[in-house]
């Protein structure tokens, strides 16, 4: 299931977008708010306490490196990792910078999953609305259907691939704490950005707040 959940969530999101062809993605804000809250809560409640139990005194530095790394990735992806896509211009070829940065992001997310099975659920919930938004964006931009398929399938396999690499390359276990700290930084940045961006104009919205609370509660009881 560690491999299947993140994979199937992207493929499901891709299928939903193909079938429904949504023109307005604002309706996904609630799902994004829930996914961001759930992912952040899993990170804080499960991943963070574990790595701070290690004797590595540079954990905070590696977390900040993860945040910085994600900021650099978003320079190329334009924030697609948290559903932040803009523009209605037509596309005639694969957006390679977006593709590569998203794949790196998804690949890194897969590393701690082998040690934290609950994280596979969090990443799956996180990837579902992102897959719908990305597919809808590409369809509306008239990107070639074959290119969309290649993009989304490759994106779908990157997180399981990261988990497989972590499982079958023993040398990575020697750096598990450092790698996980970097991933925590990435997840901190992504999930907190999703939560803040889900409230347009930073106005109080009881529906979004309720979804955030639900995400926190679910992560607590898992």
C-alpha atoms as a PDB file:
ATOM      1  CA  UNK A   1       0.000   0.000   0.000  1.00  0.00           C
ATOM      2  CA  UNK A   2       2.951   2.347   0.573  1.00  0.00           C
ATOM      3  CA  UNK A   3       3.637   2.196  -3.148  1.00  0.00           C
ATOM      4  CA  UNK A   4       0.057   2.052  -4.389  1.00  0.00           C
ATOM      5  CA  UNK A   5      -1.674   4.869  -2.508  1.00  0.00           C
ATOM      6  CA  UNK A   6       0.394   7.817  -3.841  1.00  0.00           C
ATOM      7  CA  UNK A   7       0.371   6.241  -7.308  1.00  0.00           C
ATOM      8  CA  UNK A   8      -3.376   5.620  -7.430  1.00  0.00           C
ATOM      9  CA  UNK A   9      -4.262   9.046  -6.031  1.00  0.00           C
ATOM     10  CA  UNK A  10      -2.541  10.823  -8.936  1.00  0.00           C
ATOM     11  CA  UNK A  11      -4.081   8.484 -11.507  1.00  0.00           C
ATOM     12  CA  UNK A  12      -7.489   8.965  -9.883  1.00  0.00           C
ATOM     13  CA  UNK A  13      -7.101  12.743  -9.987  1.00  0.00           C
ATOM     14  CA  UNK A  14      -6.025  12.519 -13.627  1.00  0.00           C
ATOM     15  CA  UNK A  15      -9.105  10.402 -14.436  1.00  0.00           C
ATOM     16  CA  UNK A  16     -11.459  12.744 -12.586  1.00  0.00           C
ATOM     17  CA  UNK A  17     -10.121  15.764 -14.466  1.00  0.00           C
ATOM     18  CA  UNK A  18     -10.386  13.964 -17.824  1.00  0.00           C
ATOM     19  CA  UNK A  19     -13.966  12.924 -17.125  1.00  0.00           C
ATOM     20  CA  UNK A  20     -15.286  16.131 -15.559  1.00  0.00           C
ATOM     21  CA  UNK A  21     -13.072  18.644 -17.423  1.00  0.00           C
ATOM     22  CA  UNK A  22     -13.441  21.280 -14.679  1.00  0.00           C
ATOM     23  CA  UNK A  23     -13.132  24.875 -15.856  1.00  0.00           C
ATOM     24  CA  UNK A  24     -13.172  26.341 -12.348  1.00  0.00           C
ATOM     25  CA  UNK A  25     -10.793  24.815  -9.802  1.00  0.00           C
ATOM     26  CA  UNK A  26     -11.925  27.029  -6.916  1.00  0.00           C
ATOM     27  CA  UNK A  27     -14.204  24.220  -5.744  1.00  0.00           C
ATOM     28  CA  UNK A  28     -11.087  22.228  -4.877  1.00  0.00           C
ATOM     29  CA  UNK A  29     -10.025  24.783  -2.256  1.00  0.00           C
ATOM     30  CA  UNK A  30     -11.713  22.840   0.535  1.00  0.00           C
ATOM     31  CA  UNK A  31      -9.999  19.595  -0.453  1.00  0.00           C
ATOM     32  CA  UNK A  32      -6.686  21.443  -0.681  1.00  0.00           C
ATOM     33  CA  UNK A  33      -7.208  22.942   2.780  1.00  0.00           C
ATOM     34  CA  UNK A  34      -7.908  19.490   4.217  1.00  0.00           C
ATOM     35  CA  UNK A  35      -4.921  17.901   2.469  1.00  0.00           C
ATOM     36  CA  UNK A  36      -2.555  20.672   3.587  1.00  0.00           C
ATOM     37  CA  UNK A  37      -3.767  20.452   7.193  1.00  0.00           C
ATOM     38  CA  UNK A  38      -3.550  16.655   7.248  1.00  0.00           C
ATOM     39  CA  UNK A  39      -0.059  16.600   5.732  1.00  0.00           C
ATOM     40  CA  UNK A  40       1.248  19.297   8.083  1.00  0.00           C
ATOM     41  CA  UNK A  41      -0.259  17.526  11.105  1.00  0.00           C
ATOM     42  CA  UNK A  42       1.302  14.186  10.127  1.00  0.00           C
ATOM     43  CA  UNK A  43       4.653  15.919   9.756  1.00  0.00           C
ATOM     44  CA  UNK A  44       4.477  17.676  13.121  1.00  0.00           C
ATOM     45  CA  UNK A  45       2.949  14.801  15.108  1.00  0.00           C
ATOM     46  CA  UNK A  46       4.837  11.845  13.631  1.00  0.00           C
ATOM     47  CA  UNK A  47       7.909  12.755  11.590  1.00  0.00           C
ATOM     48  CA  UNK A  48       9.256  15.650  13.628  1.00  0.00           C
ATOM     49  CA  UNK A  49       9.344  13.965  17.068  1.00  0.00           C
ATOM     50  CA  UNK A  50      11.173  10.948  15.653  1.00  0.00           C
ATOM     51  CA  UNK A  51      14.050  12.800  14.042  1.00  0.00           C
ATOM     52  CA  UNK A  52      14.556  15.019  17.082  1.00  0.00           C
ATOM     53  CA  UNK A  53      15.129  11.857  19.116  1.00  0.00           C
ATOM     54  CA  UNK A  54      18.326  11.300  17.146  1.00  0.00           C
ATOM     55  CA  UNK A  55      21.671  12.594  18.361  1.00  0.00           C
ATOM     56  CA  UNK A  56      22.143  14.753  15.302  1.00  0.00           C
ATOM     57  CA  UNK A  57      22.418  18.362  16.436  1.00  0.00           C
ATOM     58  CA  UNK A  58      21.967  19.753  12.927  1.00  0.00           C
ATOM     59  CA  UNK A  59      18.348  18.648  12.431  1.00  0.00           C
ATOM     60  CA  UNK A  60      17.081  22.220  12.379  1.00  0.00           C
ATOM     61  CA  UNK A  61      19.622  23.119   9.714  1.00  0.00           C
ATOM     62  CA  UNK A  62      18.517  20.242   7.467  1.00  0.00           C
ATOM     63  CA  UNK A  63      14.849  21.223   7.913  1.00  0.00           C
ATOM     64  CA  UNK A  64      15.691  24.773   6.821  1.00  0.00           C
ATOM     65  CA  UNK A  65      17.643  23.355   3.863  1.00  0.00           C
ATOM     66  CA  UNK A  66      14.484  21.454   2.892  1.00  0.00           C
ATOM     67  CA  UNK A  67      12.430  24.654   3.016  1.00  0.00           C
ATOM     68  CA  UNK A  68      15.060  26.450   0.922  1.00  0.00           C
ATOM     69  CA  UNK A  69      15.216  23.544  -1.535  1.00  0.00           C
ATOM     70  CA  UNK A  70      11.435  23.682  -2.014  1.00  0.00           C
ATOM     71  CA  UNK A  71      11.576  27.447  -2.584  1.00  0.00           C
ATOM     72  CA  UNK A  72      14.132  26.850  -5.358  1.00  0.00           C
ATOM     73  CA  UNK A  73      11.942  24.112  -6.886  1.00  0.00           C
ATOM     74  CA  UNK A  74       8.952  26.447  -6.883  1.00  0.00           C
ATOM     75  CA  UNK A  75      10.941  28.990  -8.865  1.00  0.00           C
ATOM     76  CA  UNK A  76      10.662  26.496 -11.733  1.00  0.00           C
ATOM     77  CA  UNK A  77       7.312  24.866 -10.935  1.00  0.00           C
ATOM     78  CA  UNK A  78       5.555  28.179 -10.153  1.00  0.00           C
ATOM     79  CA  UNK A  79       3.921  26.586  -7.102  1.00  0.00           C
ATOM     80  CA  UNK A  80       2.163  23.712  -8.867  1.00  0.00           C
ATOM     81  CA  UNK A  81       2.984  21.455  -5.888  1.00  0.00           C
ATOM     82  CA  UNK A  82       0.281  23.228  -3.896  1.00  0.00           C
ATOM     83  CA  UNK A  83      -2.197  23.771  -6.716  1.00  0.00           C
ATOM     84  CA  UNK A  84      -0.953  27.230  -7.606  1.00  0.00           C
ATOM     85  CA  UNK A  85      -1.171  27.307 -11.405  1.00  0.00           C
ATOM     86  CA  UNK A  86      -1.899  30.359 -13.486  1.00  0.00           C
ATOM     87  CA  UNK A  87      -2.295  31.347 -17.066  1.00  0.00           C
ATOM     88  CA  UNK A  88      -4.549  30.419 -19.937  1.00  0.00           C
ATOM     89  CA  UNK A  89      -1.987  30.502 -22.726  1.00  0.00           C
ATOM     90  CA  UNK A  90      -1.848  27.571 -25.115  1.00  0.00           C
ATOM     91  CA  UNK A  91       0.917  25.031 -24.692  1.00  0.00           C
ATOM     92  CA  UNK A  92       2.529  23.370 -27.678  1.00  0.00           C
ATOM     93  CA  UNK A  93       5.145  21.304 -25.870  1.00  0.00           C
ATOM     94  CA  UNK A  94       5.856  19.709 -22.512  1.00  0.00           C
ATOM     95  CA  UNK A  95       6.595  22.302 -19.778  1.00  0.00           C
ATOM     96  CA  UNK A  96       9.911  20.680 -18.904  1.00  0.00           C
ATOM     97  CA  UNK A  97      10.903  22.885 -15.953  1.00  0.00           C
ATOM     98  CA  UNK A  98       7.535  22.291 -14.318  1.00  0.00           C
ATOM     99  CA  UNK A  99       7.789  18.567 -15.069  1.00  0.00           C
ATOM    100  CA  UNK A 100      11.297  18.115 -13.651  1.00  0.00           C
ATOM    101  CA  UNK A 101      10.727  20.172 -10.498  1.00  0.00           C
ATOM    102  CA  UNK A 102       7.447  18.396  -9.698  1.00  0.00           C
ATOM    103  CA  UNK A 103       9.073  15.002 -10.202  1.00  0.00           C
ATOM    104  CA  UNK A 104      11.962  15.892  -7.881  1.00  0.00           C
ATOM    105  CA  UNK A 105       9.477  17.087  -5.276  1.00  0.00           C
ATOM    106  CA  UNK A 106       7.376  13.909  -5.514  1.00  0.00           C
ATOM    107  CA  UNK A 107      10.476  11.679  -5.495  1.00  0.00           C
ATOM    108  CA  UNK A 108      11.762  13.272  -2.291  1.00  0.00           C
ATOM    109  CA  UNK A 109       8.380  12.862  -0.613  1.00  0.00           C
ATOM    110  CA  UNK A 110       8.660   9.102  -1.052  1.00  0.00           C
ATOM    111  CA  UNK A 111      11.795   8.643   1.072  1.00  0.00           C
ATOM    112  CA  UNK A 112      10.272   8.655   4.604  1.00  0.00           C
ATOM    113  CA  UNK A 113       7.240   6.568   3.556  1.00  0.00           C
ATOM    114  CA  UNK A 114       9.084   3.275   4.089  1.00  0.00           C
ATOM    115  CA  UNK A 115       9.436   4.152   7.794  1.00  0.00           C
ATOM    116  CA  UNK A 116       6.134   6.006   8.190  1.00  0.00           C
ATOM    117  CA  UNK A 117       3.256   4.170   6.527  1.00  0.00           C
ATOM    118  CA  UNK A 118       0.729   6.856   7.535  1.00  0.00           C
ATOM    119  CA  UNK A 119       2.646   9.333   5.417  1.00  0.00           C
ATOM    120  CA  UNK A 120       1.589   7.410   2.285  1.00  0.00           C
ATOM    121  CA  UNK A 121      -2.014   8.310   3.136  1.00  0.00           C
ATOM    122  CA  UNK A 122      -1.083  11.955   3.680  1.00  0.00           C
ATOM    123  CA  UNK A 123       0.803  12.190   0.393  1.00  0.00           C
ATOM    124  CA  UNK A 124      -2.042  10.442  -1.442  1.00  0.00           C
ATOM    125  CA  UNK A 125      -4.572  12.948  -0.082  1.00  0.00           C
ATOM    126  CA  UNK A 126      -2.162  15.761  -0.939  1.00  0.00           C
ATOM    127  CA  UNK A 127      -1.608  14.557  -4.514  1.00  0.00           C
ATOM    128  CA  UNK A 128      -5.273  13.968  -5.419  1.00  0.00           C
ATOM    129  CA  UNK A 129      -6.385  17.617  -5.756  1.00  0.00           C
ATOM    130  CA  UNK A 130      -2.994  18.564  -7.218  1.00  0.00           C
ATOM    131  CA  UNK A 131      -3.441  15.942  -9.957  1.00  0.00           C
ATOM    132  CA  UNK A 132      -6.947  17.227 -10.740  1.00  0.00           C
ATOM    133  CA  UNK A 133      -5.750  20.851 -10.888  1.00  0.00           C
ATOM    134  CA  UNK A 134      -2.698  20.054 -13.024  1.00  0.00           C
ATOM    135  CA  UNK A 135      -4.643  17.918 -15.495  1.00  0.00           C
ATOM    136  CA  UNK A 136      -7.413  20.516 -15.785  1.00  0.00           C
ATOM    137  CA  UNK A 137      -4.802  23.233 -16.295  1.00  0.00           C
ATOM    138  CA  UNK A 138      -3.089  21.287 -19.078  1.00  0.00           C
ATOM    139  CA  UNK A 139      -6.396  20.438 -20.766  1.00  0.00           C
ATOM    140  CA  UNK A 140      -7.508  24.083 -20.675  1.00  0.00           C
ATOM    141  CA  UNK A 141      -4.104  25.088 -22.058  1.00  0.00           C
ATOM    142  CA  UNK A 142      -4.622  22.633 -24.955  1.00  0.00           C
ATOM    143  CA  UNK A 143      -1.491  20.636 -24.177  1.00  0.00           C
ATOM    144  CA  UNK A 144      -1.208  17.499 -26.287  1.00  0.00           C
ATOM    145  CA  UNK A 145      -3.182  14.623 -24.697  1.00  0.00           C
ATOM    146  CA  UNK A 146      -0.227  12.263 -25.021  1.00  0.00           C
ATOM    147  CA  UNK A 147       2.017  14.773 -23.254  1.00  0.00           C
ATOM    148  CA  UNK A 148      -0.531  15.151 -20.443  1.00  0.00           C
ATOM    149  CA  UNK A 149      -0.680  11.368 -20.034  1.00  0.00           C
ATOM    150  CA  UNK A 150       3.130  11.031 -19.916  1.00  0.00           C
ATOM    151  CA  UNK A 151       3.388  13.934 -17.474  1.00  0.00           C
ATOM    152  CA  UNK A 152       0.795  12.610 -15.044  1.00  0.00           C
ATOM    153  CA  UNK A 153       1.876   8.941 -15.156  1.00  0.00           C
ATOM    154  CA  UNK A 154       5.500   9.916 -14.545  1.00  0.00           C
ATOM    155  CA  UNK A 155       4.429  12.218 -11.708  1.00  0.00           C
ATOM    156  CA  UNK A 156       2.365   9.338 -10.267  1.00  0.00           C
ATOM    157  CA  UNK A 157       5.293   6.908 -10.109  1.00  0.00           C
ATOM    158  CA  UNK A 158       7.851   9.309  -8.617  1.00  0.00           C
ATOM    159  CA  UNK A 159       6.759   9.049  -4.964  1.00  0.00           C
ATOM    160  CA  UNK A 160       6.605   5.205  -5.033  1.00  0.00           C
ATOM    161  CA  UNK A 161       9.982   5.276  -6.795  1.00  0.00           C
ATOM    162  CA  UNK A 162      11.414   7.357  -3.950  1.00  0.00           C
ATOM    163  CA  UNK A 163      10.088   4.807  -1.460  1.00  0.00           C
ATOM    164  CA  UNK A 164      11.554   1.895  -3.453  1.00  0.00           C
ATOM    165  CA  UNK A 165      14.957   3.588  -3.648  1.00  0.00           C
ATOM    166  CA  UNK A 166      14.840   4.204   0.104  1.00  0.00           C
ATOM    167  CA  UNK A 167      13.919   0.556   0.736  1.00  0.00           C
ATOM    168  CA  UNK A 168      16.512  -1.050  -1.521  1.00  0.00           C
ATOM    169  CA  UNK A 169      19.544   1.207  -1.190  1.00  0.00           C
ATOM    170  CA  UNK A 170      20.877   0.411   2.301  1.00  0.00           C
ATOM    171  CA  UNK A 171      23.433   3.223   2.119  1.00  0.00           C
ATOM    172  CA  UNK A 172      20.570   5.730   2.371  1.00  0.00           C
ATOM    173  CA  UNK A 173      19.677   4.366   5.808  1.00  0.00           C
ATOM    174  CA  UNK A 174      22.929   5.860   7.090  1.00  0.00           C
ATOM    175  CA  UNK A 175      21.531   9.276   6.173  1.00  0.00           C
ATOM    176  CA  UNK A 176      17.878   8.593   6.952  1.00  0.00           C
ATOM    177  CA  UNK A 177      17.633  11.295   9.620  1.00  0.00           C
ATOM    178  CA  UNK A 178      19.178  13.996   7.435  1.00  0.00           C
ATOM    179  CA  UNK A 179      17.093  13.073   4.372  1.00  0.00           C
ATOM    180  CA  UNK A 180      13.908  12.948   6.442  1.00  0.00           C
ATOM    181  CA  UNK A 181      14.701  16.360   7.944  1.00  0.00           C
ATOM    182  CA  UNK A 182      15.030  17.804   4.436  1.00  0.00           C
ATOM    183  CA  UNK A 183      11.715  16.203   3.443  1.00  0.00           C
ATOM    184  CA  UNK A 184      10.117  17.664   6.586  1.00  0.00           C
ATOM    185  CA  UNK A 185      11.254  21.098   5.451  1.00  0.00           C
ATOM    186  CA  UNK A 186       9.707  20.453   2.042  1.00  0.00           C
ATOM    187  CA  UNK A 187       6.434  19.286   3.614  1.00  0.00           C
ATOM    188  CA  UNK A 188       6.390  22.231   6.027  1.00  0.00           C
ATOM    189  CA  UNK A 189       6.633  24.669   3.160  1.00  0.00           C
ATOM    190  CA  UNK A 190       4.102  22.900   0.931  1.00  0.00           C
ATOM    191  CA  UNK A 191       1.448  22.211   3.550  1.00  0.00           C
ATOM    192  CA  UNK A 192       1.593  25.609   5.246  1.00  0.00           C
ATOM    193  CA  UNK A 193       1.409  27.342   1.867  1.00  0.00           C
ATOM    194  CA  UNK A 194      -1.658  25.283   0.947  1.00  0.00           C
ATOM    195  CA  UNK A 195      -3.369  26.245   4.203  1.00  0.00           C
ATOM    196  CA  UNK A 196      -2.654  29.957   3.803  1.00  0.00           C
ATOM    197  CA  UNK A 197      -3.522  30.029   0.107  1.00  0.00           C
ATOM    198  CA  UNK A 198      -6.793  28.181   0.661  1.00  0.00           C
ATOM    199  CA  UNK A 199      -8.210  31.280   2.349  1.00  0.00           C
ATOM    200  CA  UNK A 200      -8.441  33.923  -0.334  1.00  0.00           C
ATOM    201  CA  UNK A 201      -7.860  37.405   1.014  1.00  0.00           C
ATOM    202  CA  UNK A 202      -7.109  35.810   4.417  1.00  0.00           C
ATOM    203  CA  UNK A 203     -10.797  36.043   5.296  1.00  0.00           C
ATOM    204  CA  UNK A 204     -12.391  33.798   7.882  1.00  0.00           C
ATOM    205  CA  UNK A 205     -14.252  30.967   6.202  1.00  0.00           C
ATOM    206  CA  UNK A 206     -15.929  28.466   8.491  1.00  0.00           C
ATOM    207  CA  UNK A 207     -15.970  25.742   5.822  1.00  0.00           C
ATOM    208  CA  UNK A 208     -12.202  25.958   5.264  1.00  0.00           C
ATOM    209  CA  UNK A 209     -11.478  26.190   8.994  1.00  0.00           C
ATOM    210  CA  UNK A 210     -13.644  23.104   9.529  1.00  0.00           C
ATOM    211  CA  UNK A 211     -11.654  21.181   6.899  1.00  0.00           C
ATOM    212  CA  UNK A 212      -8.394  22.238   8.533  1.00  0.00           C
ATOM    213  CA  UNK A 213      -9.636  21.055  11.936  1.00  0.00           C
ATOM    214  CA  UNK A 214     -10.765  17.778  10.363  1.00  0.00           C
ATOM    215  CA  UNK A 215      -7.300  17.256   8.885  1.00  0.00           C
ATOM    216  CA  UNK A 216      -5.658  17.863  12.262  1.00  0.00           C
ATOM    217  CA  UNK A 217      -8.065  15.501  14.047  1.00  0.00           C
ATOM    218  CA  UNK A 218      -7.611  12.714  11.504  1.00  0.00           C
ATOM    219  CA  UNK A 219      -3.814  12.947  11.701  1.00  0.00           C
ATOM    220  CA  UNK A 220      -3.981  12.841  15.505  1.00  0.00           C
ATOM    221  CA  UNK A 221      -6.075   9.672  15.643  1.00  0.00           C
ATOM    222  CA  UNK A 222      -4.146   7.768  12.943  1.00  0.00           C
END
